[in-house]
N, C-alpha and C. Protein backbone atom coordinates (compact mmCIF):
# COMPACT_ATOMS: atom_id res chain seq x y z
N MET A 1 11.97 -17.85 -3.75
CA MET A 1 11.68 -17.32 -2.42
C MET A 1 10.53 -16.31 -2.55
N SER A 2 10.10 -15.82 -1.42
CA SER A 2 9.05 -14.81 -1.41
C SER A 2 9.33 -13.82 -0.30
N TYR A 3 8.53 -12.79 -0.28
CA TYR A 3 8.69 -11.80 0.79
C TYR A 3 8.70 -12.48 2.15
N VAL A 4 7.73 -13.34 2.37
CA VAL A 4 7.59 -13.99 3.68
C VAL A 4 8.73 -14.98 3.92
N GLU A 5 9.11 -15.73 2.88
CA GLU A 5 10.21 -16.68 3.03
C GLU A 5 11.53 -15.97 3.29
N ASN A 6 11.66 -14.74 2.84
CA ASN A 6 12.88 -13.95 3.06
C ASN A 6 12.78 -13.05 4.29
N LYS A 7 11.82 -13.31 5.14
CA LYS A 7 11.57 -12.45 6.30
C LYS A 7 12.84 -12.19 7.11
N GLU A 8 13.59 -13.22 7.40
CA GLU A 8 14.80 -13.04 8.22
C GLU A 8 15.83 -12.16 7.51
N SER A 9 15.94 -12.30 6.21
CA SER A 9 16.88 -11.45 5.45
C SER A 9 16.45 -9.99 5.50
N TYR A 10 15.16 -9.77 5.31
CA TYR A 10 14.65 -8.39 5.39
C TYR A 10 14.88 -7.80 6.78
N LEU A 11 14.51 -8.55 7.81
CA LEU A 11 14.63 -8.03 9.16
C LEU A 11 16.08 -7.80 9.55
N ALA A 12 16.99 -8.68 9.13
CA ALA A 12 18.41 -8.48 9.42
C ALA A 12 18.91 -7.20 8.76
N LEU A 13 18.54 -7.00 7.51
CA LEU A 13 18.95 -5.80 6.78
C LEU A 13 18.37 -4.54 7.43
N ILE A 14 17.10 -4.57 7.74
CA ILE A 14 16.44 -3.42 8.36
C ILE A 14 17.06 -3.11 9.72
N ASN A 15 17.31 -4.12 10.50
CA ASN A 15 17.93 -3.90 11.82
C ASN A 15 19.33 -3.33 11.70
N ARG A 16 20.10 -3.78 10.71
CA ARG A 16 21.44 -3.23 10.51
C ARG A 16 21.34 -1.74 10.16
N PHE A 17 20.37 -1.39 9.35
CA PHE A 17 20.19 0.01 8.97
C PHE A 17 19.77 0.85 10.17
N VAL A 18 18.80 0.36 10.92
CA VAL A 18 18.30 1.10 12.08
C VAL A 18 19.41 1.30 13.12
N ARG A 19 20.31 0.33 13.24
CA ARG A 19 21.44 0.41 14.20
C ARG A 19 22.62 1.20 13.63
N CYS A 20 22.45 1.83 12.46
CA CYS A 20 23.48 2.65 11.81
C CYS A 20 24.71 1.84 11.40
N GLU A 21 24.52 0.57 11.10
CA GLU A 21 25.63 -0.27 10.65
C GLU A 21 25.86 -0.15 9.15
N ILE A 22 24.85 0.34 8.43
CA ILE A 22 25.00 0.59 6.99
C ILE A 22 24.37 1.94 6.67
N THR A 23 24.82 2.52 5.58
CA THR A 23 24.32 3.84 5.18
C THR A 23 22.97 3.70 4.49
N ALA A 24 22.30 4.81 4.34
CA ALA A 24 21.01 4.82 3.65
C ALA A 24 21.13 4.42 2.18
N PRO A 25 22.14 4.92 1.44
CA PRO A 25 22.25 4.48 0.05
C PRO A 25 22.47 2.96 -0.06
N ASP A 26 23.29 2.42 0.84
CA ASP A 26 23.53 0.98 0.82
C ASP A 26 22.26 0.22 1.18
N PHE A 27 21.56 0.70 2.20
CA PHE A 27 20.29 0.06 2.60
C PHE A 27 19.28 0.12 1.46
N GLN A 28 19.13 1.28 0.86
CA GLN A 28 18.18 1.45 -0.23
C GLN A 28 18.47 0.46 -1.35
N GLN A 29 19.72 0.37 -1.76
CA GLN A 29 20.09 -0.52 -2.86
C GLN A 29 19.82 -1.98 -2.49
N ARG A 30 20.25 -2.40 -1.31
CA ARG A 30 20.07 -3.80 -0.89
C ARG A 30 18.59 -4.15 -0.69
N PHE A 31 17.87 -3.27 -0.03
CA PHE A 31 16.46 -3.54 0.24
C PHE A 31 15.67 -3.62 -1.06
N MET A 32 15.87 -2.64 -1.93
CA MET A 32 15.09 -2.61 -3.16
C MET A 32 15.45 -3.78 -4.08
N THR A 33 16.71 -4.20 -4.08
CA THR A 33 17.10 -5.36 -4.87
C THR A 33 16.40 -6.62 -4.36
N LEU A 34 16.40 -6.81 -3.06
CA LEU A 34 15.73 -7.98 -2.47
C LEU A 34 14.23 -7.93 -2.74
N TRP A 35 13.62 -6.76 -2.52
CA TRP A 35 12.17 -6.61 -2.72
C TRP A 35 11.79 -6.86 -4.18
N LYS A 36 12.55 -6.27 -5.10
CA LYS A 36 12.24 -6.43 -6.53
C LYS A 36 12.45 -7.87 -6.99
N THR A 37 13.43 -8.55 -6.44
CA THR A 37 13.64 -9.97 -6.76
C THR A 37 12.43 -10.78 -6.33
N ASP A 38 11.95 -10.54 -5.12
CA ASP A 38 10.76 -11.25 -4.63
C ASP A 38 9.53 -10.90 -5.46
N ARG A 39 9.40 -9.64 -5.81
CA ARG A 39 8.27 -9.22 -6.66
C ARG A 39 8.31 -9.92 -8.01
N ASP A 40 9.49 -9.96 -8.61
CA ASP A 40 9.62 -10.59 -9.93
C ASP A 40 9.33 -12.08 -9.86
N GLU A 41 9.74 -12.74 -8.78
CA GLU A 41 9.44 -14.16 -8.62
C GLU A 41 7.94 -14.38 -8.45
N GLN A 42 7.30 -13.48 -7.73
CA GLN A 42 5.85 -13.57 -7.55
C GLN A 42 5.13 -13.39 -8.88
N LEU A 43 5.58 -12.44 -9.67
CA LEU A 43 4.97 -12.21 -10.98
C LEU A 43 5.22 -13.39 -11.93
N ALA A 44 6.39 -13.99 -11.84
CA ALA A 44 6.68 -15.16 -12.67
C ALA A 44 5.76 -16.31 -12.29
N ALA A 45 5.52 -16.49 -11.00
CA ALA A 45 4.61 -17.55 -10.55
C ALA A 45 3.19 -17.26 -11.05
N ARG A 46 2.79 -16.00 -10.98
CA ARG A 46 1.47 -15.61 -11.48
C ARG A 46 1.34 -15.89 -12.97
N ASN A 47 2.40 -15.62 -13.71
CA ASN A 47 2.37 -15.84 -15.15
C ASN A 47 2.28 -17.32 -15.52
N ALA A 48 2.59 -18.19 -14.57
CA ALA A 48 2.50 -19.63 -14.81
C ALA A 48 1.10 -20.18 -14.50
N TRP A 49 0.23 -19.34 -13.92
CA TRP A 49 -1.14 -19.80 -13.64
C TRP A 49 -1.84 -20.12 -14.96
N PRO A 50 -2.78 -21.06 -14.94
CA PRO A 50 -3.52 -21.36 -16.16
C PRO A 50 -4.41 -20.20 -16.61
N LYS A 51 -4.79 -19.34 -15.68
CA LYS A 51 -5.53 -18.12 -16.00
C LYS A 51 -5.27 -17.10 -14.90
N ARG A 52 -5.62 -15.85 -15.14
CA ARG A 52 -5.35 -14.76 -14.21
C ARG A 52 -6.40 -14.70 -13.11
N PHE A 53 -6.20 -15.51 -12.08
CA PHE A 53 -7.13 -15.57 -10.96
C PHE A 53 -7.25 -14.22 -10.25
N ASP A 54 -6.16 -13.46 -10.22
CA ASP A 54 -6.19 -12.15 -9.57
C ASP A 54 -7.13 -11.19 -10.31
N LEU A 55 -7.11 -11.24 -11.63
CA LEU A 55 -8.00 -10.37 -12.40
C LEU A 55 -9.46 -10.80 -12.26
N GLU A 56 -9.68 -12.11 -12.16
CA GLU A 56 -11.04 -12.60 -11.93
C GLU A 56 -11.58 -12.10 -10.60
N LEU A 57 -10.73 -12.12 -9.57
CA LEU A 57 -11.15 -11.59 -8.26
C LEU A 57 -11.46 -10.10 -8.36
N ASP A 58 -10.57 -9.36 -9.01
CA ASP A 58 -10.79 -7.92 -9.18
C ASP A 58 -12.12 -7.65 -9.87
N ASP A 59 -12.38 -8.39 -10.93
CA ASP A 59 -13.61 -8.22 -11.70
C ASP A 59 -14.85 -8.54 -10.86
N ALA A 60 -14.79 -9.64 -10.12
CA ALA A 60 -15.93 -10.03 -9.27
C ALA A 60 -16.20 -8.97 -8.21
N PHE A 61 -15.14 -8.41 -7.65
CA PHE A 61 -15.30 -7.37 -6.64
C PHE A 61 -15.91 -6.11 -7.25
N LYS A 62 -15.39 -5.71 -8.40
CA LYS A 62 -15.89 -4.50 -9.07
C LYS A 62 -17.36 -4.63 -9.47
N LYS A 63 -17.78 -5.84 -9.77
CA LYS A 63 -19.18 -6.09 -10.16
C LYS A 63 -20.08 -6.34 -8.96
N GLY A 64 -19.51 -6.26 -7.75
CA GLY A 64 -20.32 -6.43 -6.55
C GLY A 64 -20.63 -7.87 -6.19
N LYS A 65 -19.93 -8.82 -6.80
CA LYS A 65 -20.16 -10.23 -6.52
C LYS A 65 -19.43 -10.71 -5.27
N LEU A 66 -18.48 -9.90 -4.80
CA LEU A 66 -17.72 -10.22 -3.59
C LEU A 66 -17.76 -9.02 -2.65
N SER A 67 -17.90 -9.28 -1.37
CA SER A 67 -17.79 -8.20 -0.39
C SER A 67 -16.31 -7.80 -0.30
N GLU A 68 -16.06 -6.66 0.27
CA GLU A 68 -14.66 -6.22 0.42
C GLU A 68 -13.89 -7.22 1.28
N LYS A 69 -14.53 -7.71 2.33
CA LYS A 69 -13.90 -8.68 3.23
C LYS A 69 -13.53 -9.95 2.46
N ASP A 70 -14.47 -10.48 1.68
CA ASP A 70 -14.21 -11.70 0.91
C ASP A 70 -13.11 -11.45 -0.14
N TYR A 71 -13.19 -10.30 -0.77
CA TYR A 71 -12.19 -9.97 -1.79
C TYR A 71 -10.79 -9.93 -1.16
N LEU A 72 -10.65 -9.24 -0.04
CA LEU A 72 -9.35 -9.12 0.60
C LEU A 72 -8.83 -10.47 1.08
N GLU A 73 -9.71 -11.29 1.63
CA GLU A 73 -9.30 -12.61 2.11
C GLU A 73 -8.88 -13.51 0.96
N ARG A 74 -9.66 -13.52 -0.11
CA ARG A 74 -9.33 -14.38 -1.26
C ARG A 74 -8.06 -13.91 -1.96
N SER A 75 -7.94 -12.61 -2.09
CA SER A 75 -6.75 -12.06 -2.74
C SER A 75 -5.50 -12.40 -1.92
N ALA A 76 -5.57 -12.22 -0.63
CA ALA A 76 -4.43 -12.55 0.24
C ALA A 76 -4.08 -14.03 0.14
N SER A 77 -5.09 -14.86 0.16
CA SER A 77 -4.87 -16.30 0.05
C SER A 77 -4.24 -16.67 -1.29
N LEU A 78 -4.70 -16.03 -2.35
CA LEU A 78 -4.18 -16.29 -3.68
C LEU A 78 -2.67 -16.04 -3.73
N TRP A 79 -2.21 -15.01 -3.02
CA TRP A 79 -0.80 -14.65 -3.02
C TRP A 79 -0.02 -15.33 -1.89
N GLY A 80 -0.66 -16.27 -1.18
CA GLY A 80 0.04 -17.00 -0.12
C GLY A 80 0.10 -16.25 1.20
N LEU A 81 -0.71 -15.22 1.34
CA LEU A 81 -0.72 -14.42 2.57
C LEU A 81 -1.94 -14.84 3.39
N ASP A 82 -1.91 -16.08 3.82
CA ASP A 82 -3.08 -16.69 4.46
C ASP A 82 -3.17 -16.48 5.96
N THR A 83 -2.25 -15.71 6.53
CA THR A 83 -2.33 -15.38 7.95
C THR A 83 -2.19 -13.88 8.14
N VAL A 84 -2.69 -13.39 9.25
CA VAL A 84 -2.56 -11.96 9.56
C VAL A 84 -1.09 -11.58 9.67
N GLU A 85 -0.28 -12.47 10.25
CA GLU A 85 1.14 -12.18 10.40
C GLU A 85 1.81 -11.97 9.04
N LYS A 86 1.50 -12.82 8.07
CA LYS A 86 2.08 -12.67 6.73
C LYS A 86 1.62 -11.39 6.06
N ARG A 87 0.33 -11.10 6.17
CA ARG A 87 -0.20 -9.88 5.55
C ARG A 87 0.40 -8.64 6.20
N THR A 88 0.55 -8.67 7.50
CA THR A 88 1.13 -7.54 8.23
C THR A 88 2.58 -7.33 7.83
N PHE A 89 3.32 -8.42 7.68
CA PHE A 89 4.72 -8.31 7.30
C PHE A 89 4.87 -7.71 5.90
N VAL A 90 4.08 -8.18 4.95
CA VAL A 90 4.16 -7.66 3.58
C VAL A 90 3.74 -6.18 3.54
N ALA A 91 2.74 -5.81 4.31
CA ALA A 91 2.33 -4.39 4.38
C ALA A 91 3.48 -3.54 4.94
N PHE A 92 4.17 -4.06 5.94
CA PHE A 92 5.33 -3.38 6.52
C PHE A 92 6.42 -3.20 5.45
N LEU A 93 6.70 -4.26 4.69
CA LEU A 93 7.71 -4.16 3.63
C LEU A 93 7.31 -3.15 2.58
N ASP A 94 6.03 -3.09 2.25
CA ASP A 94 5.56 -2.10 1.26
C ASP A 94 5.81 -0.68 1.75
N GLN A 95 5.62 -0.44 3.05
CA GLN A 95 5.87 0.88 3.60
C GLN A 95 7.36 1.23 3.53
N VAL A 96 8.21 0.25 3.85
CA VAL A 96 9.65 0.48 3.79
C VAL A 96 10.08 0.71 2.34
N PHE A 97 9.53 -0.07 1.42
CA PHE A 97 9.85 0.10 0.00
C PHE A 97 9.49 1.52 -0.46
N SER A 98 8.30 1.97 -0.12
CA SER A 98 7.87 3.32 -0.52
C SER A 98 8.80 4.39 0.05
N ALA A 99 9.23 4.20 1.30
CA ALA A 99 10.15 5.16 1.91
C ALA A 99 11.50 5.14 1.19
N CYS A 100 11.99 3.94 0.86
CA CYS A 100 13.26 3.83 0.12
C CYS A 100 13.15 4.52 -1.23
N ASP A 101 12.01 4.40 -1.84
CA ASP A 101 11.78 5.02 -3.14
C ASP A 101 11.81 6.54 -3.04
N CYS A 102 11.52 7.07 -1.86
CA CYS A 102 11.50 8.52 -1.65
C CYS A 102 12.83 9.05 -1.11
N PHE A 103 13.79 8.15 -0.87
CA PHE A 103 15.08 8.57 -0.35
C PHE A 103 15.91 9.24 -1.44
N ILE A 104 16.51 10.37 -1.10
CA ILE A 104 17.39 11.11 -1.99
C ILE A 104 18.73 11.25 -1.28
N ALA A 105 19.77 10.64 -1.86
CA ALA A 105 21.09 10.67 -1.21
C ALA A 105 21.64 12.09 -1.13
N ASP A 106 21.41 12.88 -2.16
CA ASP A 106 21.88 14.26 -2.17
C ASP A 106 20.66 15.17 -2.31
N PRO A 107 20.15 15.69 -1.19
CA PRO A 107 18.92 16.48 -1.25
C PRO A 107 19.07 17.88 -1.86
N SER A 108 20.29 18.28 -2.20
CA SER A 108 20.45 19.64 -2.72
C SER A 108 19.72 19.89 -4.04
N PRO A 109 19.65 18.92 -4.96
CA PRO A 109 18.88 19.20 -6.19
C PRO A 109 17.41 18.80 -6.05
N SER A 110 16.92 18.80 -4.85
CA SER A 110 15.57 18.32 -4.58
C SER A 110 14.51 19.05 -5.39
N ILE A 111 13.59 18.25 -5.93
CA ILE A 111 12.47 18.79 -6.67
C ILE A 111 11.28 19.01 -5.74
N ASP A 112 11.08 18.08 -4.82
CA ASP A 112 9.95 18.15 -3.90
C ASP A 112 10.39 17.67 -2.52
N PRO A 113 11.03 18.54 -1.74
CA PRO A 113 11.59 18.12 -0.45
C PRO A 113 10.54 17.61 0.55
N LEU A 114 9.29 17.97 0.37
CA LEU A 114 8.26 17.49 1.30
C LEU A 114 7.92 16.01 1.08
N SER A 115 8.27 15.48 -0.09
CA SER A 115 7.97 14.08 -0.35
C SER A 115 9.24 13.24 -0.50
N GLU A 116 10.37 13.77 -0.07
CA GLU A 116 11.63 13.06 -0.15
C GLU A 116 12.21 12.89 1.25
N TYR A 117 12.97 11.81 1.41
CA TYR A 117 13.61 11.53 2.69
C TYR A 117 15.12 11.75 2.61
N THR A 118 15.66 12.37 3.65
CA THR A 118 17.10 12.41 3.83
C THR A 118 17.50 11.09 4.51
N GLU A 119 18.78 10.88 4.70
CA GLU A 119 19.23 9.65 5.37
C GLU A 119 18.64 9.56 6.78
N THR A 120 18.69 10.64 7.52
CA THR A 120 18.15 10.64 8.88
C THR A 120 16.64 10.38 8.88
N GLN A 121 15.93 11.03 7.98
CA GLN A 121 14.48 10.83 7.91
C GLN A 121 14.12 9.40 7.53
N LEU A 122 14.87 8.82 6.59
CA LEU A 122 14.62 7.44 6.20
C LEU A 122 14.87 6.50 7.37
N ARG A 123 15.98 6.69 8.05
CA ARG A 123 16.31 5.83 9.19
C ARG A 123 15.24 5.95 10.28
N ASP A 124 14.83 7.17 10.58
CA ASP A 124 13.80 7.38 11.60
C ASP A 124 12.48 6.74 11.20
N TYR A 125 12.11 6.88 9.94
CA TYR A 125 10.85 6.31 9.46
C TYR A 125 10.89 4.79 9.54
N VAL A 126 11.95 4.19 9.05
CA VAL A 126 12.07 2.73 9.07
C VAL A 126 12.09 2.23 10.51
N ALA A 127 12.80 2.92 11.39
CA ALA A 127 12.84 2.51 12.79
C ALA A 127 11.45 2.57 13.42
N ALA A 128 10.71 3.62 13.11
CA ALA A 128 9.34 3.76 13.66
C ALA A 128 8.44 2.64 13.13
N LYS A 129 8.52 2.36 11.84
CA LYS A 129 7.68 1.30 11.26
C LYS A 129 8.09 -0.07 11.81
N LEU A 130 9.38 -0.27 12.03
CA LEU A 130 9.84 -1.53 12.63
C LEU A 130 9.28 -1.68 14.03
N GLY A 131 9.27 -0.59 14.79
CA GLY A 131 8.71 -0.63 16.14
C GLY A 131 7.24 -0.97 16.14
N VAL A 132 6.50 -0.38 15.23
CA VAL A 132 5.06 -0.68 15.10
C VAL A 132 4.87 -2.12 14.69
N HIS A 133 5.67 -2.59 13.73
CA HIS A 133 5.56 -3.96 13.26
C HIS A 133 5.80 -4.95 14.39
N LYS A 134 6.80 -4.68 15.21
CA LYS A 134 7.11 -5.58 16.34
C LYS A 134 5.97 -5.62 17.34
N GLN A 135 5.25 -4.51 17.51
CA GLN A 135 4.12 -4.47 18.44
C GLN A 135 2.93 -5.25 17.91
N VAL A 136 2.78 -5.28 16.59
CA VAL A 136 1.63 -5.93 15.98
C VAL A 136 1.77 -7.45 15.97
N ILE A 137 3.00 -7.94 15.74
CA ILE A 137 3.17 -9.40 15.64
C ILE A 137 3.41 -10.06 16.96
């Protein structure tokens, strides 16, 4: 599967969290497990390529052989993100993943409270990003 192929699973999980049907620790664990599984499958597929096409694109861009627009389009296509909707969805998931990574179930031993989310802050952030995502697609 992939991020895009698992879209309904992600959205169902996110909606359950936003509707307060599951706790933040449960959401964090489930979301990150699903995301990491998709990431690992993507990396396994990449490792099966006859050569590292992604690194070739990076190199061509760094050497000025590709415009930023061409680089972004080719890179997205390489990863199967050939539509704006797919790219937008994966960007949305990346934002949710980053927020989950900043969630602290017990904020009392916080090292950097300005860069950590409480349960309420995580839920509010995910709900806001979900609202933006729904407007874009």
